[in-house]
Amino acid sequence: MTKKELRSKYKSLRSLFSAEEVGELSLKVANMLLQLPVWDKTYYHLFLAMEEQKEIHTDFILQVLQGRDKEVVVSRSDFESCSMVHYLLTDTTKLVKNAYGIPEPAGGLEVPPARIDVVFVPLLAFDRNGHRVGYGKGFYDRFLRECRDDVIKIGLSLYEAEEKPIEANTTDVRLDYCVTPLRVYRF
């Protein structure tokens, strides 16, 4: 399947979930994440879910990170340049939904990508080689190329890996892990 076909397939599949099912699966993903050897780091970039798109709720992961006194970084998107600016999430951070329904920080203390140790990556589909299909604008591929070479890239998926390899472009950045409600994939 092409990336376009995979996007369509997984958006359709996601639409069948109830909000309760997404919440239950999201909790399972958060629990599976605890198996990863990444909890000794300091700066963790977390996407905030587009609930309308039935994305994994990252609130559970946020609770884990805050419970371990980690620095959490969230982003604001620039849709003209398809880039993101990253901010430290604090008790005073004001979150506002953008035109696409993505909760974003209104401002705050900016964090350079080189500071980030771990990135939780949103996706629609992935394969057993660590390639993923996102929403098609390249925001995360651009962002991940700005990070250090040793940044740990963790995809979060409601579904298991595609059996057939996903077409990869030269600009695509592979994941190190992908976590689903049932297992952890290491690449």
N, C-alpha and C. Protein backbone atom coordinates (compact mmCIF):
# COMPACT_ATOMS: atom_id res chain seq x y z
N MET A 1 0.83 -1.19 0.00
CA MET A 1 0.00 0.00 0.00
C MET A 1 0.87 1.25 0.00
N THR A 2 0.38 2.29 -0.63
CA THR A 2 1.10 3.56 -0.60
C THR A 2 0.83 4.24 0.74
N LYS A 3 1.62 5.27 1.04
CA LYS A 3 1.40 6.02 2.29
C LYS A 3 0.01 6.64 2.29
N LYS A 4 -0.42 7.14 1.15
CA LYS A 4 -1.75 7.74 1.05
C LYS A 4 -2.83 6.71 1.38
N GLU A 5 -2.69 5.51 0.85
CA GLU A 5 -3.67 4.45 1.12
C GLU A 5 -3.65 4.03 2.60
N LEU A 6 -2.44 3.96 3.18
CA LEU A 6 -2.33 3.62 4.59
C LEU A 6 -2.96 4.70 5.47
N ARG A 7 -2.75 5.97 5.12
CA ARG A 7 -3.38 7.06 5.88
C ARG A 7 -4.90 6.90 5.88
N SER A 8 -5.43 6.67 4.71
CA SER A 8 -6.88 6.52 4.57
C SER A 8 -7.39 5.31 5.37
N LYS A 9 -6.68 4.19 5.25
CA LYS A 9 -7.08 2.96 5.95
C LYS A 9 -7.12 3.19 7.47
N TYR A 10 -6.05 3.75 8.02
CA TYR A 10 -5.96 3.88 9.47
C TYR A 10 -6.82 5.01 10.03
N LYS A 11 -7.06 6.05 9.26
CA LYS A 11 -8.01 7.06 9.71
C LYS A 11 -9.41 6.45 9.79
N SER A 12 -9.75 5.63 8.81
CA SER A 12 -11.05 4.95 8.82
C SER A 12 -11.16 4.00 10.00
N LEU A 13 -10.13 3.19 10.22
CA LEU A 13 -10.15 2.25 11.34
C LEU A 13 -10.29 2.99 12.67
N ARG A 14 -9.55 4.06 12.83
CA ARG A 14 -9.60 4.83 14.08
C ARG A 14 -10.99 5.39 14.33
N SER A 15 -11.66 5.80 13.27
CA SER A 15 -12.98 6.42 13.43
C SER A 15 -14.00 5.46 14.04
N LEU A 16 -13.72 4.16 13.98
CA LEU A 16 -14.63 3.16 14.53
C LEU A 16 -14.53 3.02 16.04
N PHE A 17 -13.44 3.53 16.62
CA PHE A 17 -13.27 3.45 18.07
C PHE A 17 -14.19 4.42 18.79
N SER A 18 -14.67 4.01 19.94
CA SER A 18 -15.37 4.94 20.83
C SER A 18 -14.30 5.68 21.64
N ALA A 19 -14.69 6.78 22.25
CA ALA A 19 -13.76 7.53 23.09
C ALA A 19 -13.27 6.65 24.25
N GLU A 20 -14.16 5.81 24.78
CA GLU A 20 -13.79 4.92 25.88
C GLU A 20 -12.73 3.90 25.43
N GLU A 21 -12.91 3.35 24.23
CA GLU A 21 -11.93 2.38 23.71
C GLU A 21 -10.57 3.02 23.52
N VAL A 22 -10.54 4.24 22.98
CA VAL A 22 -9.27 4.94 22.79
C VAL A 22 -8.59 5.16 24.14
N GLY A 23 -9.37 5.52 25.14
CA GLY A 23 -8.82 5.71 26.49
C GLY A 23 -8.22 4.43 27.05
N GLU A 24 -8.93 3.31 26.90
CA GLU A 24 -8.44 2.02 27.40
C GLU A 24 -7.16 1.61 26.68
N LEU A 25 -7.14 1.75 25.36
CA LEU A 25 -5.94 1.39 24.58
C LEU A 25 -4.77 2.31 24.92
N SER A 26 -5.06 3.58 25.14
CA SER A 26 -4.02 4.55 25.50
C SER A 26 -3.37 4.19 26.83
N LEU A 27 -4.17 3.75 27.78
CA LEU A 27 -3.63 3.33 29.08
C LEU A 27 -2.73 2.11 28.90
N LYS A 28 -3.12 1.18 28.05
CA LYS A 28 -2.29 0.00 27.78
C LYS A 28 -0.95 0.40 27.15
N VAL A 29 -0.99 1.35 26.22
CA VAL A 29 0.26 1.83 25.60
C VAL A 29 1.16 2.45 26.67
N ALA A 30 0.59 3.28 27.53
CA ALA A 30 1.38 3.92 28.59
C ALA A 30 2.02 2.87 29.50
N ASN A 31 1.28 1.83 29.83
CA ASN A 31 1.84 0.75 30.66
C ASN A 31 2.94 -0.01 29.95
N MET A 32 2.79 -0.24 28.65
CA MET A 32 3.83 -0.93 27.86
C MET A 32 5.11 -0.09 27.80
N LEU A 33 4.95 1.23 27.77
CA LEU A 33 6.12 2.12 27.72
C LEU A 33 7.05 1.93 28.91
N LEU A 34 6.50 1.50 30.03
CA LEU A 34 7.31 1.34 31.23
C LEU A 34 8.39 0.28 31.06
N GLN A 35 8.26 -0.58 30.05
CA GLN A 35 9.27 -1.62 29.78
C GLN A 35 10.53 -1.06 29.11
N LEU A 36 10.43 0.14 28.54
CA LEU A 36 11.56 0.69 27.78
C LEU A 36 12.66 1.22 28.70
N PRO A 37 13.91 1.11 28.24
CA PRO A 37 15.04 1.60 29.04
C PRO A 37 15.32 3.08 28.77
N VAL A 38 14.31 3.93 28.95
CA VAL A 38 14.46 5.35 28.60
C VAL A 38 14.17 6.29 29.77
N TRP A 39 13.95 5.75 30.94
CA TRP A 39 13.46 6.58 32.04
C TRP A 39 14.56 7.28 32.82
N ASP A 40 15.81 7.15 32.39
CA ASP A 40 16.92 7.84 33.04
C ASP A 40 17.25 9.17 32.36
N LYS A 41 16.47 9.55 31.36
CA LYS A 41 16.71 10.79 30.61
C LYS A 41 16.04 11.96 31.32
N THR A 42 16.24 13.17 30.76
CA THR A 42 15.71 14.37 31.40
C THR A 42 14.59 15.04 30.61
N TYR A 43 14.82 15.29 29.31
CA TYR A 43 13.86 16.05 28.48
C TYR A 43 13.10 15.11 27.55
N TYR A 44 11.77 15.10 27.70
CA TYR A 44 10.89 14.23 26.93
C TYR A 44 9.90 15.08 26.14
N HIS A 45 9.90 14.91 24.84
CA HIS A 45 8.95 15.63 23.99
C HIS A 45 7.70 14.77 23.85
N LEU A 46 6.55 15.36 24.12
CA LEU A 46 5.29 14.64 24.10
C LEU A 46 4.30 15.39 23.20
N PHE A 47 3.66 14.67 22.28
CA PHE A 47 2.60 15.32 21.50
C PHE A 47 1.33 15.31 22.32
N LEU A 48 0.51 16.30 22.11
CA LEU A 48 -0.79 16.37 22.79
C LEU A 48 -1.83 15.92 21.78
N ALA A 49 -2.67 15.00 22.19
CA ALA A 49 -3.57 14.30 21.27
C ALA A 49 -4.63 15.19 20.64
N MET A 50 -4.89 14.89 19.37
CA MET A 50 -6.05 15.44 18.67
C MET A 50 -7.19 14.46 18.94
N GLU A 51 -8.00 14.78 19.93
CA GLU A 51 -9.06 13.85 20.32
C GLU A 51 -10.03 13.58 19.19
N GLU A 52 -10.30 14.58 18.35
CA GLU A 52 -11.22 14.41 17.24
C GLU A 52 -10.71 13.37 16.24
N GLN A 53 -9.39 13.19 16.18
CA GLN A 53 -8.77 12.22 15.26
C GLN A 53 -8.58 10.85 15.93
N LYS A 54 -9.05 10.74 17.18
CA LYS A 54 -8.94 9.51 17.96
C LYS A 54 -7.47 9.07 18.10
N GLU A 55 -6.61 10.05 18.34
CA GLU A 55 -5.20 9.76 18.61
C GLU A 55 -5.06 9.19 20.01
N ILE A 56 -3.96 8.51 20.23
CA ILE A 56 -3.64 8.01 21.57
C ILE A 56 -3.66 9.18 22.54
N HIS A 57 -4.35 8.99 23.67
CA HIS A 57 -4.36 10.01 24.71
C HIS A 57 -3.01 9.94 25.42
N THR A 58 -2.30 11.04 25.40
CA THR A 58 -0.97 11.05 26.01
C THR A 58 -1.00 11.52 27.47
N ASP A 59 -2.21 11.75 28.01
CA ASP A 59 -2.32 12.19 29.40
C ASP A 59 -1.68 11.19 30.36
N PHE A 60 -1.85 9.88 30.07
CA PHE A 60 -1.29 8.85 30.94
C PHE A 60 0.24 8.91 30.94
N ILE A 61 0.81 9.14 29.76
CA ILE A 61 2.27 9.25 29.65
C ILE A 61 2.74 10.51 30.38
N LEU A 62 1.98 11.58 30.24
CA LEU A 62 2.30 12.82 30.94
C LEU A 62 2.33 12.59 32.46
N GLN A 63 1.38 11.83 32.97
CA GLN A 63 1.35 11.54 34.40
C GLN A 63 2.59 10.75 34.83
N VAL A 64 3.01 9.80 34.00
CA VAL A 64 4.22 9.02 34.30
C VAL A 64 5.43 9.96 34.35
N LEU A 65 5.54 10.82 33.33
CA LEU A 65 6.68 11.73 33.26
C LEU A 65 6.70 12.69 34.44
N GLN A 66 5.56 13.25 34.77
CA GLN A 66 5.51 14.18 35.90
C GLN A 66 5.77 13.47 37.21
N GLY A 67 5.31 12.22 37.33
CA GLY A 67 5.55 11.44 38.54
C GLY A 67 7.02 11.11 38.74
N ARG A 68 7.77 11.12 37.65
CA ARG A 68 9.21 10.85 37.71
C ARG A 68 10.04 12.14 37.65
N ASP A 69 9.38 13.27 37.80
CA ASP A 69 10.03 14.59 37.79
C ASP A 69 10.83 14.85 36.51
N LYS A 70 10.28 14.48 35.37
CA LYS A 70 10.94 14.71 34.08
C LYS A 70 10.51 16.06 33.52
N GLU A 71 11.35 16.62 32.67
CA GLU A 71 11.03 17.86 31.96
C GLU A 71 10.25 17.47 30.71
N VAL A 72 9.03 18.00 30.57
CA VAL A 72 8.17 17.67 29.45
C VAL A 72 8.13 18.85 28.48
N VAL A 73 8.32 18.53 27.21
CA VAL A 73 8.35 19.54 26.15
C VAL A 73 7.19 19.29 25.21
N VAL A 74 6.46 20.35 24.85
CA VAL A 74 5.36 20.26 23.89
C VAL A 74 5.59 21.31 22.81
N SER A 75 4.90 21.16 21.69
CA SER A 75 5.18 22.02 20.54
C SER A 75 4.00 22.84 20.07
N ARG A 76 4.35 23.89 19.37
CA ARG A 76 3.38 24.70 18.62
C ARG A 76 3.78 24.60 17.16
N SER A 77 2.81 24.35 16.29
CA SER A 77 3.08 24.13 14.87
C SER A 77 2.97 25.42 14.06
N ASP A 78 3.85 25.54 13.08
CA ASP A 78 3.78 26.62 12.09
C ASP A 78 3.41 25.95 10.78
N PHE A 79 2.17 26.12 10.34
CA PHE A 79 1.69 25.40 9.17
C PHE A 79 2.19 25.98 7.85
N GLU A 80 2.72 27.19 7.88
CA GLU A 80 3.30 27.75 6.65
C GLU A 80 4.64 27.09 6.33
N SER A 81 5.45 26.89 7.36
CA SER A 81 6.78 26.28 7.15
C SER A 81 6.80 24.79 7.48
N CYS A 82 5.68 24.25 7.95
CA CYS A 82 5.59 22.85 8.39
C CYS A 82 6.68 22.53 9.43
N SER A 83 6.85 23.46 10.36
CA SER A 83 7.85 23.29 11.41
C SER A 83 7.18 23.47 12.77
N MET A 84 7.95 23.20 13.82
CA MET A 84 7.42 23.31 15.18
C MET A 84 8.41 24.08 16.06
N VAL A 85 7.85 24.77 17.04
CA VAL A 85 8.63 25.43 18.08
C VAL A 85 8.27 24.70 19.37
N HIS A 86 9.25 24.43 20.20
CA HIS A 86 9.09 23.56 21.36
C HIS A 86 9.20 24.36 22.66
N TYR A 87 8.29 24.04 23.60
CA TYR A 87 8.22 24.78 24.86
C TYR A 87 8.17 23.82 26.04
N LEU A 88 8.77 24.24 27.13
CA LEU A 88 8.70 23.49 28.38
C LEU A 88 7.27 23.56 28.91
N LEU A 89 6.71 22.41 29.25
CA LEU A 89 5.36 22.36 29.81
C LEU A 89 5.47 22.54 31.32
N THR A 90 4.85 23.59 31.83
CA THR A 90 4.88 23.87 33.27
C THR A 90 3.45 23.99 33.79
N ASP A 91 3.32 24.18 35.08
CA ASP A 91 2.00 24.36 35.68
C ASP A 91 1.29 25.60 35.15
N THR A 92 2.06 26.56 34.66
CA THR A 92 1.45 27.81 34.18
C THR A 92 1.29 27.86 32.66
N THR A 93 1.68 26.81 31.95
CA THR A 93 1.55 26.80 30.50
C THR A 93 0.08 26.81 30.10
N LYS A 94 -0.26 27.77 29.27
CA LYS A 94 -1.64 27.86 28.78
C LYS A 94 -1.70 27.11 27.44
N LEU A 95 -2.61 26.13 27.35
CA LEU A 95 -2.78 25.36 26.13
C LEU A 95 -4.02 25.85 25.39
N VAL A 96 -3.87 26.02 24.07
CA VAL A 96 -4.96 26.49 23.22
C VAL A 96 -5.02 25.58 22.00
N LYS A 97 -6.23 25.16 21.60
CA LYS A 97 -6.35 24.32 20.41
C LYS A 97 -6.20 25.17 19.16
N ASN A 98 -5.37 24.67 18.22
CA ASN A 98 -5.20 25.39 16.96
C ASN A 98 -6.34 25.03 16.00
N ALA A 99 -6.29 25.51 14.78
CA ALA A 99 -7.35 25.29 13.79
C ALA A 99 -7.56 23.81 13.46
N TYR A 100 -6.56 22.97 13.74
CA TYR A 100 -6.65 21.54 13.45
C TYR A 100 -7.04 20.72 14.68
N GLY A 101 -7.32 21.41 15.78
CA GLY A 101 -7.72 20.72 17.01
C GLY A 101 -6.56 20.21 17.83
N ILE A 102 -5.35 20.69 17.56
CA ILE A 102 -4.17 20.26 18.30
C ILE A 102 -3.96 21.21 19.48
N PRO A 103 -3.95 20.70 20.71
CA PRO A 103 -3.63 21.57 21.85
C PRO A 103 -2.16 22.00 21.77
N GLU A 104 -1.95 23.31 21.89
CA GLU A 104 -0.59 23.85 21.78
C GLU A 104 -0.34 24.87 22.88
N PRO A 105 0.94 25.03 23.27
CA PRO A 105 1.26 26.06 24.25
C PRO A 105 1.15 27.45 23.61
N ALA A 106 0.58 28.38 24.36
CA ALA A 106 0.45 29.75 23.86
C ALA A 106 1.80 30.46 23.89
N GLY A 107 2.75 29.93 24.61
CA GLY A 107 4.09 30.52 24.73
C GLY A 107 4.80 29.86 25.89
N GLY A 108 5.87 30.49 26.33
CA GLY A 108 6.61 29.95 27.45
C GLY A 108 8.09 29.89 27.18
N LEU A 109 8.77 29.03 27.92
CA LEU A 109 10.21 28.88 27.80
C LEU A 109 10.53 27.94 26.64
N GLU A 110 11.17 28.47 25.61
CA GLU A 110 11.49 27.68 24.43
C GLU A 110 12.63 26.70 24.72
N VAL A 111 12.50 25.48 24.17
CA VAL A 111 13.50 24.44 24.36
C VAL A 111 14.06 24.07 22.99
N PRO A 112 15.38 24.18 22.79
CA PRO A 112 15.95 23.81 21.49
C PRO A 112 15.89 22.29 21.28
N PRO A 113 15.68 21.84 20.04
CA PRO A 113 15.60 20.40 19.76
C PRO A 113 16.82 19.63 20.24
N ALA A 114 17.99 20.24 20.23
CA ALA A 114 19.21 19.55 20.65
C ALA A 114 19.19 19.19 22.14
N ARG A 115 18.28 19.77 22.89
CA ARG A 115 18.20 19.52 24.33
C ARG A 115 17.37 18.27 24.65
N ILE A 116 16.53 17.87 23.68
CA ILE A 116 15.55 16.82 23.91
C ILE A 116 16.21 15.44 23.84
N ASP A 117 15.88 14.58 24.81
CA ASP A 117 16.46 13.24 24.89
C ASP A 117 15.56 12.16 24.27
N VAL A 118 14.25 12.31 24.44
CA VAL A 118 13.28 11.30 24.00
C VAL A 118 12.12 12.02 23.32
N VAL A 119 11.69 11.48 22.17
CA VAL A 119 10.53 12.04 21.47
C VAL A 119 9.49 10.95 21.29
N PHE A 120 8.28 11.21 21.77
CA PHE A 120 7.14 10.33 21.52
C PHE A 120 6.50 10.82 20.22
N VAL A 121 6.42 9.94 19.24
CA VAL A 121 6.03 10.34 17.89
C VAL A 121 4.63 9.84 17.54
N PRO A 122 3.75 10.75 17.10
CA PRO A 122 2.43 10.31 16.65
C PRO A 122 2.54 9.65 15.28
N LEU A 123 1.62 8.74 14.98
CA LEU A 123 1.65 8.09 13.67
C LEU A 123 0.29 7.47 13.39
N LEU A 124 0.10 7.10 12.14
CA LEU A 124 -1.10 6.38 11.73
C LEU A 124 -0.79 4.90 11.53
N ALA A 125 0.39 4.61 10.97
CA ALA A 125 0.80 3.22 10.72
C ALA A 125 2.32 3.15 10.78
N PHE A 126 2.84 1.91 10.97
CA PHE A 126 4.29 1.70 10.97
C PHE A 126 4.57 0.28 10.51
N ASP A 127 5.83 0.03 10.16
CA ASP A 127 6.21 -1.33 9.74
C ASP A 127 7.28 -1.89 10.66
N ARG A 128 7.70 -3.11 10.40
CA ARG A 128 8.67 -3.80 11.26
C ARG A 128 10.10 -3.29 11.09
N ASN A 129 10.29 -2.31 10.21
CA ASN A 129 11.62 -1.71 10.01
C ASN A 129 11.74 -0.34 10.68
N GLY A 130 10.67 0.09 11.35
CA GLY A 130 10.72 1.38 12.02
C GLY A 130 10.29 2.55 11.16
N HIS A 131 9.76 2.29 9.98
CA HIS A 131 9.23 3.37 9.15
C HIS A 131 7.79 3.62 9.54
N ARG A 132 7.36 4.87 9.43
CA ARG A 132 6.01 5.21 9.86
C ARG A 132 5.30 6.04 8.81
N VAL A 133 4.01 6.09 8.97
CA VAL A 133 3.17 6.99 8.16
C VAL A 133 2.52 7.95 9.14
N GLY A 134 2.77 9.23 8.91
CA GLY A 134 2.14 10.27 9.72
C GLY A 134 1.01 10.90 8.90
N TYR A 135 0.77 12.17 9.17
CA TYR A 135 -0.32 12.86 8.48
C TYR A 135 0.10 13.44 7.14
N GLY A 136 1.39 13.35 6.81
CA GLY A 136 1.82 13.71 5.46
C GLY A 136 2.43 15.07 5.26
N LYS A 137 2.62 15.83 6.31
CA LYS A 137 3.21 17.16 6.16
C LYS A 137 4.69 17.20 6.52
N GLY A 138 5.21 16.16 7.15
CA GLY A 138 6.63 16.09 7.46
C GLY A 138 7.07 16.85 8.70
N PHE A 139 6.13 17.29 9.54
CA PHE A 139 6.49 18.04 10.74
C PHE A 139 7.50 17.27 11.60
N TYR A 140 7.20 16.01 11.89
CA TYR A 140 8.06 15.25 12.80
C TYR A 140 9.37 14.86 12.15
N ASP A 141 9.39 14.57 10.86
CA ASP A 141 10.66 14.25 10.20
C ASP A 141 11.60 15.47 10.25
N ARG A 142 11.07 16.66 10.00
CA ARG A 142 11.90 17.87 10.09
C ARG A 142 12.41 18.06 11.52
N PHE A 143 11.50 17.93 12.48
CA PHE A 143 11.86 18.11 13.88
C PHE A 143 12.92 17.10 14.31
N LEU A 144 12.74 15.83 13.98
CA LEU A 144 13.68 14.79 14.40
C LEU A 144 15.07 14.99 13.79
N ARG A 145 15.14 15.56 12.59
CA ARG A 145 16.44 15.85 11.98
C ARG A 145 17.15 17.00 12.70
N GLU A 146 16.39 17.82 13.42
CA GLU A 146 16.99 18.92 14.20
C GLU A 146 17.52 18.44 15.55
N CYS A 147 17.08 17.28 15.98
CA CYS A 147 17.49 16.73 17.28
C CYS A 147 18.89 16.11 17.18
N ARG A 148 19.46 15.80 18.32
CA ARG A 148 20.76 15.11 18.36
C ARG A 148 20.63 13.73 17.70
N ASP A 149 21.74 13.20 17.24
CA ASP A 149 21.74 11.87 16.63
C ASP A 149 21.29 10.77 17.59
N ASP A 150 21.53 10.99 18.89
CA ASP A 150 21.20 9.95 19.87
C ASP A 150 19.81 10.12 20.49
N VAL A 151 18.99 11.03 19.96
CA VAL A 151 17.63 11.18 20.48
C VAL A 151 16.89 9.86 20.30
N ILE A 152 16.10 9.48 21.28
CA ILE A 152 15.34 8.22 21.21
C ILE A 152 13.95 8.53 20.68
N LYS A 153 13.59 7.87 19.57
CA LYS A 153 12.35 8.13 18.87
C LYS A 153 11.38 6.97 19.09
N ILE A 154 10.26 7.26 19.77
CA ILE A 154 9.31 6.22 20.15
C ILE A 154 7.95 6.51 19.52
N GLY A 155 7.55 5.67 18.57
CA GLY A 155 6.22 5.81 17.98
C GLY A 155 5.18 5.23 18.91
N LEU A 156 3.99 5.79 18.88
CA LEU A 156 2.87 5.30 19.68
C LEU A 156 1.74 4.93 18.72
N SER A 157 1.28 3.69 18.80
CA SER A 157 0.29 3.21 17.84
C SER A 157 -0.83 2.43 18.52
N LEU A 158 -2.04 2.62 18.03
CA LEU A 158 -3.17 1.82 18.49
C LEU A 158 -3.20 0.46 17.81
N TYR A 159 -2.44 0.32 16.73
CA TYR A 159 -2.44 -0.90 15.91
C TYR A 159 -1.05 -1.52 15.86
N GLU A 160 -1.02 -2.80 15.48
CA GLU A 160 0.25 -3.51 15.32
C GLU A 160 0.90 -3.12 13.99
N ALA A 161 2.14 -3.56 13.79
CA ALA A 161 2.92 -3.21 12.60
C ALA A 161 2.30 -3.78 11.33
N GLU A 162 2.46 -3.02 10.26
CA GLU A 162 2.10 -3.49 8.93
C GLU A 162 3.09 -4.60 8.57
N GLU A 163 2.60 -5.65 7.96
CA GLU A 163 3.48 -6.77 7.57
C GLU A 163 4.42 -6.39 6.44
N LYS A 164 3.90 -5.66 5.45
CA LYS A 164 4.72 -5.27 4.31
C LYS A 164 5.44 -3.97 4.62
N PRO A 165 6.68 -3.82 4.13
CA PRO A 165 7.43 -2.58 4.38
C PRO A 165 6.70 -1.36 3.81
N ILE A 166 6.81 -0.26 4.53
CA ILE A 166 6.24 1.01 4.09
C ILE A 166 7.28 1.72 3.24
N GLU A 167 6.84 2.31 2.14
CA GLU A 167 7.77 3.05 1.29
C GLU A 167 8.43 4.16 2.11
N ALA A 168 9.72 4.28 1.98
CA ALA A 168 10.45 5.29 2.75
C ALA A 168 11.10 6.29 1.80
N ASN A 169 10.98 7.56 2.15
CA ASN A 169 11.65 8.62 1.41
C ASN A 169 12.99 8.91 2.08
N THR A 170 13.85 9.60 1.38
CA THR A 170 15.16 9.94 1.96
C THR A 170 15.01 10.90 3.14
N THR A 171 13.89 11.61 3.23
CA THR A 171 13.68 12.56 4.32
C THR A 171 13.01 11.92 5.54
N ASP A 172 12.57 10.67 5.41
CA ASP A 172 11.91 9.99 6.53
C ASP A 172 12.92 9.59 7.60
N VAL A 173 12.54 9.78 8.85
CA VAL A 173 13.38 9.42 9.98
C VAL A 173 12.77 8.18 10.64
N ARG A 174 13.59 7.13 10.77
CA ARG A 174 13.11 5.88 11.36
C ARG A 174 12.97 5.99 12.87
N LEU A 175 12.04 5.20 13.38
CA LEU A 175 11.83 5.12 14.83
C LEU A 175 12.86 4.18 15.45
N ASP A 176 13.08 4.33 16.75
CA ASP A 176 13.90 3.38 17.51
C ASP A 176 13.00 2.30 18.13
N TYR A 177 11.79 2.72 18.51
CA TYR A 177 10.79 1.83 19.11
C TYR A 177 9.42 2.23 18.59
N CYS A 178 8.49 1.30 18.67
CA CYS A 178 7.08 1.64 18.53
C CYS A 178 6.34 0.82 19.57
N VAL A 179 5.44 1.47 20.28
CA VAL A 179 4.71 0.83 21.36
C VAL A 179 3.23 0.79 21.00
N THR A 180 2.65 -0.39 21.14
CA THR A 180 1.23 -0.60 20.89
C THR A 180 0.59 -1.10 22.19
N PRO A 181 -0.72 -1.28 22.22
CA PRO A 181 -1.33 -1.82 23.43
C PRO A 181 -0.87 -3.24 23.77
N LEU A 182 -0.33 -3.96 22.76
CA LEU A 182 0.04 -5.36 22.98
C LEU A 182 1.52 -5.65 23.08
N ARG A 183 2.37 -4.75 22.51
CA ARG A 183 3.80 -5.07 22.53
C ARG A 183 4.66 -3.86 22.25
N VAL A 184 5.98 -4.08 22.47
CA VAL A 184 7.00 -3.09 22.16
C VAL A 184 7.81 -3.62 20.98
N TYR A 185 7.92 -2.82 19.93
CA TYR A 185 8.76 -3.16 18.79
C TYR A 185 10.06 -2.39 18.93
N ARG A 186 11.19 -3.09 18.73
CA ARG A 186 12.51 -2.45 18.76
C ARG A 186 13.11 -2.52 17.37
N PHE A 187 13.65 -1.41 16.91
CA PHE A 187 14.21 -1.39 15.54
C PHE A 187 15.72 -1.16 15.58
